[in-house]
Amino acid sequence: MGRTNQTYRDQVRGIEEQWSDFRRALRRRDQPHFDHLFEHAREQADAGGYLNHPNPEIPILISIAVEQERRIVELEDRVQA
């Protein structure tokens, strides 16, 4: 019997594809930053899949925020050191 629901990773990929026109409209210098946001979402895919939220965009946004917060703390620690 096959899967009836997409995996969270598939949902992230699908949402990224939905935003491809937006990405294409961004300035070239901003496109890598856009891509990096979805890398953050993929980094936290285990947590997002575990949550099984009905709207996968919510865990994507929280995943991005968690990764950015981690990077901010790392940079603050480097500045203080």
PDB file of N, CA and C in Angstrom:
ATOM      1  N   MET A   1       0.838  -1.170   0.000  1.00  0.00           N
ATOM      2  CA  MET A   1       0.000   0.000   0.000  1.00  0.00           C
ATOM      3  C   MET A   1       0.888   1.240   0.000  1.00  0.00           C
ATOM      4  N   GLY A   2       0.617   2.192  -0.873  1.00  0.00           N
ATOM      5  CA  GLY A   2       1.459   3.377  -1.013  1.00  0.00           C
ATOM      6  C   GLY A   2       1.110   4.471  -0.025  1.00  0.00           C
ATOM      7  N   ARG A   3       1.980   5.438   0.001  1.00  0.00           N
ATOM      8  CA  ARG A   3       1.762   6.612   0.861  1.00  0.00           C
ATOM      9  C   ARG A   3       0.671   7.478   0.273  1.00  0.00           C
ATOM     10  N   THR A   4      -0.192   7.991   1.124  1.00  0.00           N
ATOM     11  CA  THR A   4      -1.238   8.898   0.656  1.00  0.00           C
ATOM     12  C   THR A   4      -0.871  10.348   0.919  1.00  0.00           C
ATOM     13  N   ASN A   5       0.018  10.578   1.870  1.00  0.00           N
ATOM     14  CA  ASN A   5       0.442  11.932   2.202  1.00  0.00           C
ATOM     15  C   ASN A   5       1.880  12.156   1.788  1.00  0.00           C
ATOM     16  N   GLN A   6       2.164  13.366   1.340  1.00  0.00           N
ATOM     17  CA  GLN A   6       3.545  13.711   1.022  1.00  0.00           C
ATOM     18  C   GLN A   6       4.359  13.783   2.300  1.00  0.00           C
ATOM     19  N   THR A   7       5.633  13.461   2.190  1.00  0.00           N
ATOM     20  CA  THR A   7       6.521  13.655   3.330  1.00  0.00           C
ATOM     21  C   THR A   7       6.756  15.148   3.511  1.00  0.00           C
ATOM     22  N   TYR A   8       7.224  15.524   4.687  1.00  0.00           N
ATOM     23  CA  TYR A   8       7.509  16.928   4.950  1.00  0.00           C
ATOM     24  C   TYR A   8       8.578  17.445   3.985  1.00  0.00           C
ATOM     25  N   ARG A   9       9.580  16.637   3.720  1.00  0.00           N
ATOM     26  CA  ARG A   9      10.642  17.055   2.790  1.00  0.00           C
ATOM     27  C   ARG A   9      10.062  17.311   1.394  1.00  0.00           C
ATOM     28  N   ASP A  10       9.128  16.477   0.970  1.00  0.00           N
ATOM     29  CA  ASP A  10       8.464  16.702  -0.314  1.00  0.00           C
ATOM     30  C   ASP A  10       7.647  17.990  -0.297  1.00  0.00           C
ATOM     31  N   GLN A  11       7.006  18.264   0.829  1.00  0.00           N
ATOM     32  CA  GLN A  11       6.227  19.495   0.947  1.00  0.00           C
ATOM     33  C   GLN A  11       7.131  20.721   0.879  1.00  0.00           C
ATOM     34  N   VAL A  12       8.282  20.660   1.539  1.00  0.00           N
ATOM     35  CA  VAL A  12       9.239  21.775   1.484  1.00  0.00           C
ATOM     36  C   VAL A  12       9.683  21.993   0.047  1.00  0.00           C
ATOM     37  N   ARG A  13      10.011  20.915  -0.636  1.00  0.00           N
ATOM     38  CA  ARG A  13      10.438  21.014  -2.032  1.00  0.00           C
ATOM     39  C   ARG A  13       9.328  21.622  -2.888  1.00  0.00           C
ATOM     40  N   GLY A  14       8.088  21.203  -2.670  1.00  0.00           N
ATOM     41  CA  GLY A  14       6.967  21.729  -3.430  1.00  0.00           C
ATOM     42  C   GLY A  14       6.738  23.216  -3.178  1.00  0.00           C
ATOM     43  N   ILE A  15       6.860  23.627  -1.917  1.00  0.00           N
ATOM     44  CA  ILE A  15       6.692  25.052  -1.599  1.00  0.00           C
ATOM     45  C   ILE A  15       7.810  25.867  -2.227  1.00  0.00           C
ATOM     46  N   GLU A  16       9.011  25.335  -2.196  1.00  0.00           N
ATOM     47  CA  GLU A  16      10.128  26.040  -2.838  1.00  0.00           C
ATOM     48  C   GLU A  16       9.864  26.196  -4.339  1.00  0.00           C
ATOM     49  N   GLU A  17       9.321  25.170  -4.959  1.00  0.00           N
ATOM     50  CA  GLU A  17       8.975  25.251  -6.385  1.00  0.00           C
ATOM     51  C   GLU A  17       7.865  26.273  -6.631  1.00  0.00           C
ATOM     52  N   GLN A  18       6.894  26.358  -5.716  1.00  0.00           N
ATOM     53  CA  GLN A  18       5.823  27.350  -5.853  1.00  0.00           C
ATOM     54  C   GLN A  18       6.372  28.779  -5.823  1.00  0.00           C
ATOM     55  N   TRP A  19       7.443  28.964  -5.102  1.00  0.00           N
ATOM     56  CA  TRP A  19       8.052  30.286  -4.971  1.00  0.00           C
ATOM     57  C   TRP A  19       9.121  30.543  -6.036  1.00  0.00           C
ATOM     58  N   SER A  20       9.243  29.665  -7.014  1.00  0.00           N
ATOM     59  CA  SER A  20      10.311  29.804  -8.017  1.00  0.00           C
ATOM     60  C   SER A  20      10.162  31.077  -8.854  1.00  0.00           C
ATOM     61  N   ASP A  21       8.932  31.497  -9.151  1.00  0.00           N
ATOM     62  CA  ASP A  21       8.753  32.746  -9.901  1.00  0.00           C
ATOM     63  C   ASP A  21       9.227  33.940  -9.079  1.00  0.00           C
ATOM     64  N   PHE A  22       8.926  33.913  -7.786  1.00  0.00           N
ATOM     65  CA  PHE A  22       9.388  34.981  -6.900  1.00  0.00           C
ATOM     66  C   PHE A  22      10.913  35.006  -6.880  1.00  0.00           C
ATOM     67  N   ARG A  23      11.513  33.821  -6.746  1.00  0.00           N
ATOM     68  CA  ARG A  23      12.977  33.738  -6.720  1.00  0.00           C
ATOM     69  C   ARG A  23      13.571  34.310  -7.992  1.00  0.00           C
ATOM     70  N   ARG A  24      12.984  33.937  -9.126  1.00  0.00           N
ATOM     71  CA  ARG A  24      13.484  34.403 -10.408  1.00  0.00           C
ATOM     72  C   ARG A  24      13.384  35.926 -10.528  1.00  0.00           C
ATOM     73  N   ALA A  25      12.378  36.512  -9.885  1.00  0.00           N
ATOM     74  CA  ALA A  25      12.182  37.961  -9.944  1.00  0.00           C
ATOM     75  C   ALA A  25      13.132  38.724  -9.017  1.00  0.00           C
ATOM     76  N   LEU A  26      13.733  38.014  -8.070  1.00  0.00           N
ATOM     77  CA  LEU A  26      14.690  38.665  -7.179  1.00  0.00           C
ATOM     78  C   LEU A  26      15.939  39.084  -7.952  1.00  0.00           C
ATOM     79  N   ARG A  27      16.625  40.060  -7.430  1.00  0.00           N
ATOM     80  CA  ARG A  27      17.928  40.422  -7.998  1.00  0.00           C
ATOM     81  C   ARG A  27      18.871  39.237  -7.830  1.00  0.00           C
ATOM     82  N   ARG A  28      19.776  39.107  -8.761  1.00  0.00           N
ATOM     83  CA  ARG A  28      20.703  37.962  -8.717  1.00  0.00           C
ATOM     84  C   ARG A  28      21.441  37.873  -7.389  1.00  0.00           C
ATOM     85  N   ARG A  29      21.792  39.015  -6.837  1.00  0.00           N
ATOM     86  CA  ARG A  29      22.546  39.005  -5.573  1.00  0.00           C
ATOM     87  C   ARG A  29      21.707  38.461  -4.414  1.00  0.00           C
ATOM     88  N   ASP A  30      20.371  38.521  -4.530  1.00  0.00           N
ATOM     89  CA  ASP A  30      19.500  38.054  -3.461  1.00  0.00           C
ATOM     90  C   ASP A  30      19.056  36.601  -3.627  1.00  0.00           C
ATOM     91  N   GLN A  31      19.194  36.052  -4.809  1.00  0.00           N
ATOM     92  CA  GLN A  31      18.756  34.679  -5.049  1.00  0.00           C
ATOM     93  C   GLN A  31      19.472  33.657  -4.167  1.00  0.00           C
ATOM     94  N   PRO A  32      20.793  33.770  -3.966  1.00  0.00           N
ATOM     95  CA  PRO A  32      21.448  32.810  -3.056  1.00  0.00           C
ATOM     96  C   PRO A  32      20.928  32.904  -1.619  1.00  0.00           C
ATOM     97  N   HIS A  33      20.541  34.109  -1.200  1.00  0.00           N
ATOM     98  CA  HIS A  33      19.996  34.274   0.149  1.00  0.00           C
ATOM     99  C   HIS A  33      18.633  33.577   0.255  1.00  0.00           C
ATOM    100  N   PHE A  34      17.832  33.716  -0.781  1.00  0.00           N
ATOM    101  CA  PHE A  34      16.544  33.015  -0.831  1.00  0.00           C
ATOM    102  C   PHE A  34      16.775  31.501  -0.739  1.00  0.00           C
ATOM    103  N   ASP A  35      17.719  30.996  -1.533  1.00  0.00           N
ATOM    104  CA  ASP A  35      18.028  29.564  -1.514  1.00  0.00           C
ATOM    105  C   ASP A  35      18.474  29.119  -0.121  1.00  0.00           C
ATOM    106  N   HIS A  36      19.237  29.977   0.537  1.00  0.00           N
ATOM    107  CA  HIS A  36      19.761  29.645   1.862  1.00  0.00           C
ATOM    108  C   HIS A  36      18.625  29.490   2.876  1.00  0.00           C
ATOM    109  N   LEU A  37      17.564  30.273   2.723  1.00  0.00           N
ATOM    110  CA  LEU A  37      16.421  30.138   3.632  1.00  0.00           C
ATOM    111  C   LEU A  37      15.813  28.742   3.547  1.00  0.00           C
ATOM    112  N   PHE A  38      15.703  28.220   2.336  1.00  0.00           N
ATOM    113  CA  PHE A  38      15.147  26.867   2.198  1.00  0.00           C
ATOM    114  C   PHE A  38      16.143  25.802   2.663  1.00  0.00           C
ATOM    115  N   GLU A  39      17.432  26.113   2.610  1.00  0.00           N
ATOM    116  CA  GLU A  39      18.411  25.200   3.200  1.00  0.00           C
ATOM    117  C   GLU A  39      18.177  25.095   4.701  1.00  0.00           C
ATOM    118  N   HIS A  40      17.852  26.235   5.332  1.00  0.00           N
ATOM    119  CA  HIS A  40      17.529  26.220   6.760  1.00  0.00           C
ATOM    120  C   HIS A  40      16.333  25.311   7.018  1.00  0.00           C
ATOM    121  N   ALA A  41      15.318  25.414   6.189  1.00  0.00           N
ATOM    122  CA  ALA A  41      14.129  24.578   6.365  1.00  0.00           C
ATOM    123  C   ALA A  41      14.477  23.103   6.227  1.00  0.00           C
ATOM    124  N   ARG A  42      15.335  22.773   5.273  1.00  0.00           N
ATOM    125  CA  ARG A  42      15.728  21.374   5.097  1.00  0.00           C
ATOM    126  C   ARG A  42      16.580  20.877   6.264  1.00  0.00           C
ATOM    127  N   GLU A  43      17.380  21.779   6.869  1.00  0.00           N
ATOM    128  CA  GLU A  43      18.206  21.404   8.025  1.00  0.00           C
ATOM    129  C   GLU A  43      17.337  20.960   9.199  1.00  0.00           C
ATOM    130  N   GLN A  44      16.156  21.524   9.308  1.00  0.00           N
ATOM    131  CA  GLN A  44      15.259  21.224  10.422  1.00  0.00           C
ATOM    132  C   GLN A  44      14.115  20.302   9.988  1.00  0.00           C
ATOM    133  N   ALA A  45      14.287  19.588   8.891  1.00  0.00           N
ATOM    134  CA  ALA A  45      13.206  18.766   8.328  1.00  0.00           C
ATOM    135  C   ALA A  45      12.740  17.666   9.286  1.00  0.00           C
ATOM    136  N   ASP A  46      13.638  17.137  10.087  1.00  0.00           N
ATOM    137  CA  ASP A  46      13.212  16.089  11.030  1.00  0.00           C
ATOM    138  C   ASP A  46      12.185  16.636  12.013  1.00  0.00           C
ATOM    139  N   ALA A  47      12.444  17.821  12.540  1.00  0.00           N
ATOM    140  CA  ALA A  47      11.507  18.432  13.484  1.00  0.00           C
ATOM    141  C   ALA A  47      10.207  18.808  12.784  1.00  0.00           C
ATOM    142  N   GLY A  48      10.303  19.360  11.575  1.00  0.00           N
ATOM    143  CA  GLY A  48       9.109  19.735  10.831  1.00  0.00           C
ATOM    144  C   GLY A  48       8.231  18.543  10.500  1.00  0.00           C
ATOM    145  N   GLY A  49       8.852  17.439  10.126  1.00  0.00           N
ATOM    146  CA  GLY A  49       8.102  16.224   9.826  1.00  0.00           C
ATOM    147  C   GLY A  49       7.468  15.628  11.066  1.00  0.00           C
ATOM    148  N   TYR A  50       8.170  15.728  12.176  1.00  0.00           N
ATOM    149  CA  TYR A  50       7.641  15.197  13.434  1.00  0.00           C
ATOM    150  C   TYR A  50       6.411  15.973  13.877  1.00  0.00           C
ATOM    151  N   LEU A  51       6.416  17.285  13.638  1.00  0.00           N
ATOM    152  CA  LEU A  51       5.287  18.131  14.024  1.00  0.00           C
ATOM    153  C   LEU A  51       4.031  17.775  13.242  1.00  0.00           C
ATOM    154  N   ASN A  52       4.187  17.447  11.964  1.00  0.00           N
ATOM    155  CA  ASN A  52       3.070  17.077  11.094  1.00  0.00           C
ATOM    156  C   ASN A  52       1.975  18.154  11.104  1.00  0.00           C
ATOM    157  N   HIS A  53       2.386  19.398  10.950  1.00  0.00           N
ATOM    158  CA  HIS A  53       1.472  20.538  10.964  1.00  0.00           C
ATOM    159  C   HIS A  53       0.634  20.549   9.685  1.00  0.00           C
ATOM    160  N   PRO A  54      -0.646  20.915   9.762  1.00  0.00           N
ATOM    161  CA  PRO A  54      -1.486  20.935   8.557  1.00  0.00           C
ATOM    162  C   PRO A  54      -1.036  21.974   7.527  1.00  0.00           C
ATOM    163  N   ASN A  55      -0.328  23.011   7.970  1.00  0.00           N
ATOM    164  CA  ASN A  55       0.204  24.017   7.059  1.00  0.00           C
ATOM    165  C   ASN A  55       1.728  23.966   7.134  1.00  0.00           C
ATOM    166  N   PRO A  56       2.391  23.317   6.179  1.00  0.00           N
ATOM    167  CA  PRO A  56       3.839  23.131   6.272  1.00  0.00           C
ATOM    168  C   PRO A  56       4.631  24.433   6.210  1.00  0.00           C
ATOM    169  N   GLU A  57       3.995  25.523   5.799  1.00  0.00           N
ATOM    170  CA  GLU A  57       4.732  26.793   5.750  1.00  0.00           C
ATOM    171  C   GLU A  57       5.075  27.293   7.152  1.00  0.00           C
ATOM    172  N   ILE A  58       4.263  26.946   8.140  1.00  0.00           N
ATOM    173  CA  ILE A  58       4.532  27.375   9.519  1.00  0.00           C
ATOM    174  C   ILE A  58       5.838  26.758  10.030  1.00  0.00           C
ATOM    175  N   PRO A  59       6.020  25.427   9.977  1.00  0.00           N
ATOM    176  CA  PRO A  59       7.305  24.893  10.440  1.00  0.00           C
ATOM    177  C   PRO A  59       8.480  25.345   9.574  1.00  0.00           C
ATOM    178  N   ILE A  60       8.239  25.643   8.295  1.00  0.00           N
ATOM    179  CA  ILE A  60       9.324  26.171   7.462  1.00  0.00           C
ATOM    180  C   ILE A  60       9.797  27.508   8.024  1.00  0.00           C
ATOM    181  N   LEU A  61       8.859  28.393   8.339  1.00  0.00           N
ATOM    182  CA  LEU A  61       9.223  29.712   8.866  1.00  0.00           C
ATOM    183  C   LEU A  61       9.901  29.598  10.227  1.00  0.00           C
ATOM    184  N   ILE A  62       9.395  28.711  11.080  1.00  0.00           N
ATOM    185  CA  ILE A  62      10.026  28.525  12.390  1.00  0.00           C
ATOM    186  C   ILE A  62      11.424  27.925  12.227  1.00  0.00           C
ATOM    187  N   SER A  63      11.589  27.010  11.297  1.00  0.00           N
ATOM    188  CA  SER A  63      12.912  26.423  11.040  1.00  0.00           C
ATOM    189  C   SER A  63      13.898  27.487  10.608  1.00  0.00           C
ATOM    190  N   ILE A  64      13.457  28.381   9.741  1.00  0.00           N
ATOM    191  CA  ILE A  64      14.320  29.476   9.291  1.00  0.00           C
ATOM    192  C   ILE A  64      14.695  30.352  10.481  1.00  0.00           C
ATOM    193  N   ALA A  65      13.718  30.674  11.315  1.00  0.00           N
ATOM    194  CA  ALA A  65      13.976  31.522  12.480  1.00  0.00           C
ATOM    195  C   ALA A  65      14.951  30.858  13.452  1.00  0.00           C
ATOM    196  N   VAL A  66      14.796  29.552  13.684  1.00  0.00           N
ATOM    197  CA  VAL A  66      15.688  28.834  14.599  1.00  0.00           C
ATOM    198  C   VAL A  66      17.124  28.852  14.061  1.00  0.00           C
ATOM    199  N   GLU A  67      17.286  28.562  12.784  1.00  0.00           N
ATOM    200  CA  GLU A  67      18.632  28.561  12.197  1.00  0.00           C
ATOM    201  C   GLU A  67      19.255  29.958  12.240  1.00  0.00           C
ATOM    202  N   GLN A  68      18.472  30.984  11.954  1.00  0.00           N
ATOM    203  CA  GLN A  68      19.006  32.338  11.993  1.00  0.00           C
ATOM    204  C   GLN A  68      19.352  32.747  13.425  1.00  0.00           C
ATOM    205  N   GLU A  69      18.527  32.357  14.378  1.00  0.00           N
ATOM    206  CA  GLU A  69      18.825  32.655  15.783  1.00  0.00           C
ATOM    207  C   GLU A  69      20.130  31.985  16.201  1.00  0.00           C
ATOM    208  N   ARG A  70      20.314  30.741  15.791  1.00  0.00           N
ATOM    209  CA  ARG A  70      21.558  30.028  16.110  1.00  0.00           C
ATOM    210  C   ARG A  70      22.759  30.772  15.547  1.00  0.00           C
ATOM    211  N   ARG A  71      22.641  31.243  14.310  1.00  0.00           N
ATOM    212  CA  ARG A  71      23.751  31.959  13.683  1.00  0.00           C
ATOM    213  C   ARG A  71      24.015  33.297  14.377  1.00  0.00           C
ATOM    214  N   ILE A  72      22.957  33.976  14.786  1.00  0.00           N
ATOM    215  CA  ILE A  72      23.125  35.256  15.491  1.00  0.00           C
ATOM    216  C   ILE A  72      23.884  35.035  16.799  1.00  0.00           C
ATOM    217  N   VAL A  73      23.497  34.019  17.553  1.00  0.00           N
ATOM    218  CA  VAL A  73      24.162  33.721  18.823  1.00  0.00           C
ATOM    219  C   VAL A  73      25.631  33.370  18.579  1.00  0.00           C
ATOM    220  N   GLU A  74      25.913  32.577  17.562  1.00  0.00           N
ATOM    221  CA  GLU A  74      27.304  32.224  17.239  1.00  0.00           C
ATOM    222  C   GLU A  74      28.102  33.480  16.903  1.00  0.00           C
ATOM    223  N   LEU A  75      27.530  34.381  16.129  1.00  0.00           N
ATOM    224  CA  LEU A  75      28.236  35.618  15.759  1.00  0.00           C
ATOM    225  C   LEU A  75      28.440  36.529  16.971  1.00  0.00           C
ATOM    226  N   GLU A  76      27.437  36.611  17.842  1.00  0.00           N
ATOM    227  CA  GLU A  76      27.567  37.412  19.059  1.00  0.00           C
ATOM    228  C   GLU A  76      28.682  36.854  19.945  1.00  0.00           C
ATOM    229  N   ASP A  77      28.753  35.534  20.037  1.00  0.00           N
ATOM    230  CA  ASP A  77      29.819  34.906  20.837  1.00  0.00           C
ATOM    231  C   ASP A  77      31.186  35.219  20.254  1.00  0.00           C
ATOM    232  N   ARG A  78      31.274  35.204  18.923  1.00  0.00           N
ATOM    233  CA  ARG A  78      32.563  35.529  18.276  1.00  0.00           C
ATOM    234  C   ARG A  78      32.955  36.973  18.506  1.00  0.00           C
ATOM    235  N   VAL A  79      31.980  37.884  18.471  1.00  0.00           N
ATOM    236  CA  VAL A  79      32.274  39.292  18.697  1.00  0.00           C
ATOM    237  C   VAL A  79      32.739  39.524  20.132  1.00  0.00           C
ATOM    238  N   GLN A  80      32.104  38.840  21.082  1.00  0.00           N
ATOM    239  CA  GLN A  80      32.481  39.003  22.486  1.00  0.00           C
ATOM    240  C   GLN A  80      33.844  38.404  22.774  1.00  0.00           C
ATOM    241  N   ALA A  81      34.244  37.389  22.028  1.00  0.00           N
ATOM    242  CA  ALA A  81      35.523  36.698  22.288  1.00  0.00           C
ATOM    243  C   ALA A  81      36.719  37.456  21.807  1.00  0.00           C
TER     244      ALA A  81
END
